[in-house]
C-alpha cells in the first residue's frame, strides 16, 4: 500500500476531499520528522511510538580496503507498535498472504 492508497482510502472513509487529506497526511509526516529531528519522541496511544534510538560509537571494517573506520555515536529513528496494534496483527488472517506463493 502506498501513501496515495492511504490518502484515497481515508478520503473514501471520511468523505473529505483527497487534496485536504493529502495536505493533512503530509503535515502529519512533517511534524513527526521535525519533532524527531529535534530529539522529541512521539507517542500515539493505541498505535505506537516513534522514538530516537541511540547507537553507540563503534569500530567497523571496510573489507575491500582492509581498514578500520570509526562510526561515531548517533541516533536512528525507530517505530515501536503498541500492544493493541501487535495483537491486531497477530490475530489477523490476512498477514503474510503472499509468503506461501514461493
N, C-alpha and C. Protein backbone atom coordinates (compact mmCIF):
# COMPACT_ATOMS: atom_id res chain seq x y z
N UNK A 1 0.85 -1.18 0.00
CA UNK A 1 0.00 0.00 0.00
C UNK A 1 0.90 1.24 0.00
N UNK A 2 0.62 2.17 -0.87
CA UNK A 2 1.41 3.39 -0.96
C UNK A 2 0.72 4.53 -0.21
N UNK A 3 1.44 5.64 -0.09
CA UNK A 3 0.86 6.82 0.56
C UNK A 3 -0.38 7.27 -0.20
N UNK A 4 -0.36 7.22 -1.53
CA UNK A 4 -1.52 7.60 -2.34
C UNK A 4 -2.71 6.69 -2.04
N UNK A 5 -2.45 5.39 -1.84
CA UNK A 5 -3.52 4.46 -1.48
C UNK A 5 -4.12 4.81 -0.13
N UNK A 6 -3.26 5.14 0.82
CA UNK A 6 -3.73 5.52 2.16
C UNK A 6 -4.59 6.78 2.07
N UNK A 7 -4.13 7.76 1.32
CA UNK A 7 -4.88 9.01 1.16
C UNK A 7 -6.24 8.73 0.52
N UNK A 8 -6.27 7.90 -0.52
CA UNK A 8 -7.53 7.57 -1.18
C UNK A 8 -8.49 6.85 -0.24
N UNK A 9 -7.97 5.93 0.56
CA UNK A 9 -8.81 5.18 1.48
C UNK A 9 -9.37 6.08 2.58
N UNK A 10 -8.56 6.99 3.11
CA UNK A 10 -9.04 7.93 4.12
C UNK A 10 -10.10 8.84 3.53
N UNK A 11 -9.88 9.30 2.30
CA UNK A 11 -10.86 10.16 1.63
C UNK A 11 -12.18 9.42 1.44
N UNK A 12 -12.12 8.16 1.04
CA UNK A 12 -13.33 7.37 0.85
C UNK A 12 -14.08 7.14 2.16
N UNK A 13 -13.33 6.85 3.24
CA UNK A 13 -13.96 6.56 4.52
C UNK A 13 -14.54 7.79 5.19
N UNK A 14 -13.92 8.94 4.99
CA UNK A 14 -14.36 10.14 5.70
C UNK A 14 -15.20 11.07 4.84
N UNK A 15 -15.12 10.95 3.52
CA UNK A 15 -15.84 11.85 2.64
C UNK A 15 -15.14 13.19 2.46
N UNK A 16 -13.93 13.31 2.99
CA UNK A 16 -13.14 14.54 2.86
C UNK A 16 -12.43 14.51 1.51
N UNK A 17 -12.28 15.66 0.89
CA UNK A 17 -11.61 15.78 -0.40
C UNK A 17 -10.18 15.25 -0.33
N UNK A 18 -9.75 14.54 -1.38
CA UNK A 18 -8.41 13.94 -1.40
C UNK A 18 -7.30 14.97 -1.18
N UNK A 19 -7.45 16.17 -1.75
CA UNK A 19 -6.39 17.18 -1.59
C UNK A 19 -6.26 17.62 -0.14
N UNK A 20 -7.39 17.70 0.59
CA UNK A 20 -7.35 18.05 2.01
C UNK A 20 -6.72 16.92 2.83
N UNK A 21 -7.06 15.69 2.48
CA UNK A 21 -6.47 14.54 3.17
C UNK A 21 -4.97 14.48 2.92
N UNK A 22 -4.56 14.73 1.67
CA UNK A 22 -3.14 14.70 1.34
C UNK A 22 -2.38 15.76 2.13
N UNK A 23 -2.94 16.95 2.22
CA UNK A 23 -2.31 18.03 2.98
C UNK A 23 -2.17 17.65 4.45
N UNK A 24 -3.20 17.02 5.00
CA UNK A 24 -3.16 16.60 6.40
C UNK A 24 -2.13 15.50 6.63
N UNK A 25 -2.09 14.52 5.74
CA UNK A 25 -1.13 13.42 5.87
C UNK A 25 0.30 13.95 5.75
N UNK A 26 0.53 14.84 4.78
CA UNK A 26 1.86 15.44 4.62
C UNK A 26 2.26 16.23 5.86
N UNK A 27 1.31 16.97 6.43
CA UNK A 27 1.58 17.74 7.65
C UNK A 27 1.92 16.81 8.81
N UNK A 28 1.20 15.68 8.91
CA UNK A 28 1.47 14.70 9.97
C UNK A 28 2.90 14.17 9.86
N UNK A 29 3.30 13.76 8.64
CA UNK A 29 4.66 13.25 8.45
C UNK A 29 5.70 14.33 8.73
N UNK A 30 5.41 15.55 8.36
CA UNK A 30 6.32 16.67 8.60
C UNK A 30 6.52 16.90 10.09
N UNK A 31 5.43 16.86 10.84
CA UNK A 31 5.51 17.05 12.30
C UNK A 31 6.33 15.92 12.92
N UNK A 32 6.11 14.69 12.48
CA UNK A 32 6.86 13.54 13.01
C UNK A 32 8.36 13.74 12.73
N UNK A 33 8.71 14.04 11.48
CA UNK A 33 10.13 14.19 11.12
C UNK A 33 10.79 15.35 11.86
N UNK A 34 10.12 16.49 11.90
CA UNK A 34 10.72 17.66 12.56
C UNK A 34 10.86 17.46 14.06
N UNK A 35 9.85 16.86 14.68
CA UNK A 35 9.91 16.62 16.12
C UNK A 35 11.03 15.64 16.46
N UNK A 36 11.15 14.58 15.68
CA UNK A 36 12.21 13.61 15.96
C UNK A 36 13.59 14.20 15.69
N UNK A 37 13.70 15.07 14.69
CA UNK A 37 14.98 15.73 14.40
C UNK A 37 15.40 16.62 15.56
N UNK A 38 14.42 17.14 16.30
CA UNK A 38 14.72 17.98 17.47
C UNK A 38 14.94 17.15 18.73
N UNK A 39 14.84 15.83 18.61
CA UNK A 39 15.09 14.96 19.75
C UNK A 39 13.85 14.54 20.51
N UNK A 40 12.67 14.93 20.04
CA UNK A 40 11.43 14.55 20.72
C UNK A 40 10.94 13.20 20.22
N UNK A 41 10.31 12.45 21.11
CA UNK A 41 9.66 11.20 20.74
C UNK A 41 8.16 11.47 20.62
N UNK A 42 7.46 10.70 19.80
CA UNK A 42 6.03 10.87 19.61
C UNK A 42 5.34 9.59 20.04
N UNK A 43 4.34 9.73 20.90
CA UNK A 43 3.59 8.59 21.43
C UNK A 43 2.14 8.71 20.99
N UNK A 44 1.65 7.72 20.23
CA UNK A 44 0.27 7.71 19.77
C UNK A 44 -0.40 6.50 20.44
N UNK A 45 -1.22 6.79 21.45
CA UNK A 45 -1.87 5.73 22.23
C UNK A 45 -2.69 4.82 21.32
N UNK A 46 -2.51 3.51 21.47
CA UNK A 46 -3.24 2.54 20.68
C UNK A 46 -2.63 2.26 19.33
N UNK A 47 -1.59 3.01 18.95
CA UNK A 47 -0.94 2.81 17.66
C UNK A 47 0.53 2.45 17.84
N UNK A 48 1.30 3.34 18.49
CA UNK A 48 2.71 3.06 18.71
C UNK A 48 3.50 4.31 19.01
N UNK A 49 4.81 4.14 19.08
CA UNK A 49 5.71 5.24 19.43
C UNK A 49 6.79 5.40 18.37
N UNK A 50 7.02 6.65 18.00
CA UNK A 50 8.13 7.00 17.12
C UNK A 50 9.22 7.51 18.04
N UNK A 51 10.34 6.79 18.12
CA UNK A 51 11.39 7.14 19.08
C UNK A 51 12.75 7.22 18.39
N UNK A 52 13.63 8.01 18.99
CA UNK A 52 15.02 8.08 18.56
C UNK A 52 15.81 7.07 19.38
N UNK A 53 16.50 6.16 18.70
CA UNK A 53 17.34 5.18 19.38
C UNK A 53 18.80 5.58 19.24
N UNK A 54 19.51 5.49 20.33
CA UNK A 54 20.92 5.86 20.35
C UNK A 54 21.77 4.66 19.94
N UNK A 55 22.65 4.88 18.99
CA UNK A 55 23.61 3.86 18.58
C UNK A 55 24.97 4.28 19.11
N UNK A 56 25.62 3.37 19.79
CA UNK A 56 26.91 3.66 20.40
C UNK A 56 28.01 3.76 19.35
N UNK A 57 29.08 4.43 19.72
CA UNK A 57 30.25 4.54 18.85
C UNK A 57 30.82 3.14 18.67
N UNK A 58 31.26 2.83 17.44
CA UNK A 58 31.83 1.50 17.20
C UNK A 58 32.88 1.57 16.11
N UNK A 59 33.69 0.53 16.07
CA UNK A 59 34.71 0.39 15.04
C UNK A 59 34.19 -0.64 14.04
N UNK A 60 34.17 -0.25 12.78
CA UNK A 60 33.71 -1.15 11.72
C UNK A 60 34.87 -1.42 10.77
N UNK A 61 34.71 -2.41 9.91
CA UNK A 61 35.76 -2.77 8.97
C UNK A 61 35.31 -2.48 7.55
N UNK A 62 36.19 -1.87 6.77
CA UNK A 62 35.98 -1.73 5.34
C UNK A 62 36.69 -2.92 4.71
N UNK A 63 35.95 -3.94 4.34
CA UNK A 63 36.54 -5.20 3.89
C UNK A 63 37.34 -5.03 2.60
N UNK A 64 36.85 -4.21 1.68
CA UNK A 64 37.55 -4.07 0.40
C UNK A 64 38.92 -3.43 0.56
N UNK A 65 39.07 -2.51 1.51
CA UNK A 65 40.36 -1.84 1.72
C UNK A 65 41.11 -2.40 2.92
N UNK A 66 40.46 -3.31 3.66
CA UNK A 66 41.03 -3.91 4.86
C UNK A 66 41.48 -2.84 5.86
N UNK A 67 40.58 -1.88 6.11
CA UNK A 67 40.87 -0.83 7.08
C UNK A 67 39.74 -0.75 8.10
N UNK A 68 40.07 -0.17 9.23
CA UNK A 68 39.07 0.05 10.27
C UNK A 68 38.58 1.49 10.18
N UNK A 69 37.28 1.67 10.35
CA UNK A 69 36.71 3.02 10.38
C UNK A 69 35.91 3.16 11.66
N UNK A 70 35.86 4.36 12.17
CA UNK A 70 35.12 4.63 13.40
C UNK A 70 33.78 5.25 13.03
N UNK A 71 32.71 4.65 13.53
CA UNK A 71 31.37 5.21 13.35
C UNK A 71 30.99 5.84 14.68
N UNK A 72 30.85 7.16 14.68
CA UNK A 72 30.55 7.88 15.92
C UNK A 72 29.16 7.54 16.43
N UNK A 73 28.94 7.87 17.69
CA UNK A 73 27.64 7.72 18.32
C UNK A 73 26.61 8.53 17.52
N UNK A 74 25.45 7.94 17.27
CA UNK A 74 24.43 8.65 16.51
C UNK A 74 23.04 8.12 16.89
N UNK A 75 22.02 8.78 16.39
CA UNK A 75 20.64 8.39 16.66
C UNK A 75 19.98 7.93 15.36
N UNK A 76 19.10 6.95 15.47
CA UNK A 76 18.33 6.48 14.32
C UNK A 76 16.85 6.46 14.71
N UNK A 77 15.96 6.79 13.76
CA UNK A 77 14.53 6.75 14.06
C UNK A 77 14.05 5.31 14.14
N UNK A 78 13.08 5.09 15.01
CA UNK A 78 12.53 3.76 15.19
C UNK A 78 11.04 3.86 15.50
N UNK A 79 10.29 2.82 15.16
CA UNK A 79 8.88 2.76 15.48
C UNK A 79 8.62 1.53 16.32
N UNK A 80 7.93 1.71 17.43
CA UNK A 80 7.58 0.58 18.29
C UNK A 80 6.06 0.52 18.34
N UNK A 81 5.44 -0.53 17.77
CA UNK A 81 3.98 -0.62 17.78
C UNK A 81 3.45 -0.87 19.19
N UNK A 82 2.21 -0.40 19.44
CA UNK A 82 1.59 -0.62 20.74
C UNK A 82 1.14 -2.08 20.86
N UNK A 83 0.83 -2.49 22.08
CA UNK A 83 0.35 -3.86 22.30
C UNK A 83 -0.94 -4.12 21.54
N UNK A 84 -1.82 -3.12 21.48
CA UNK A 84 -3.08 -3.25 20.76
C UNK A 84 -2.81 -3.51 19.27
N UNK A 85 -1.88 -2.75 18.71
CA UNK A 85 -1.50 -2.88 17.30
C UNK A 85 -0.94 -4.28 17.05
N UNK A 86 -0.01 -4.71 17.88
CA UNK A 86 0.63 -6.02 17.72
C UNK A 86 -0.41 -7.14 17.79
N UNK A 87 -1.33 -7.06 18.75
CA UNK A 87 -2.36 -8.09 18.89
C UNK A 87 -3.27 -8.13 17.67
N UNK A 88 -3.62 -6.97 17.12
CA UNK A 88 -4.47 -6.93 15.92
C UNK A 88 -3.79 -7.64 14.76
N UNK A 89 -2.49 -7.41 14.59
CA UNK A 89 -1.75 -8.05 13.51
C UNK A 89 -1.61 -9.55 13.75
N UNK A 90 -1.33 -9.94 14.99
CA UNK A 90 -1.19 -11.36 15.31
C UNK A 90 -2.47 -12.13 15.03
N UNK A 91 -3.60 -11.50 15.31
CA UNK A 91 -4.89 -12.17 15.16
C UNK A 91 -5.48 -12.04 13.76
N UNK A 92 -4.78 -11.37 12.86
CA UNK A 92 -5.27 -11.18 11.50
C UNK A 92 -5.00 -12.42 10.66
N UNK A 93 -5.98 -12.80 9.85
CA UNK A 93 -5.80 -13.96 8.98
C UNK A 93 -5.18 -13.56 7.65
N UNK A 94 -5.04 -12.26 7.37
CA UNK A 94 -4.54 -11.78 6.09
C UNK A 94 -3.04 -11.54 6.08
N UNK A 95 -2.37 -11.58 7.22
CA UNK A 95 -0.94 -11.29 7.29
C UNK A 95 -0.16 -12.37 6.55
N UNK A 96 0.87 -11.93 5.83
CA UNK A 96 1.76 -12.84 5.09
C UNK A 96 1.02 -13.64 4.02
N UNK A 97 0.00 -13.06 3.41
CA UNK A 97 -0.78 -13.79 2.42
C UNK A 97 0.03 -14.13 1.17
N UNK A 98 1.11 -13.37 0.91
CA UNK A 98 1.93 -13.63 -0.28
C UNK A 98 3.12 -14.52 0.00
N UNK A 99 3.39 -14.84 1.25
CA UNK A 99 4.58 -15.63 1.58
C UNK A 99 4.47 -17.08 1.12
N UNK A 100 3.27 -17.61 1.04
CA UNK A 100 3.10 -19.00 0.66
C UNK A 100 3.20 -19.25 -0.83
N UNK A 101 3.39 -18.21 -1.62
CA UNK A 101 3.41 -18.35 -3.08
C UNK A 101 4.81 -18.52 -3.65
N UNK A 102 5.75 -19.02 -2.89
CA UNK A 102 7.13 -19.16 -3.38
C UNK A 102 7.30 -20.38 -4.21
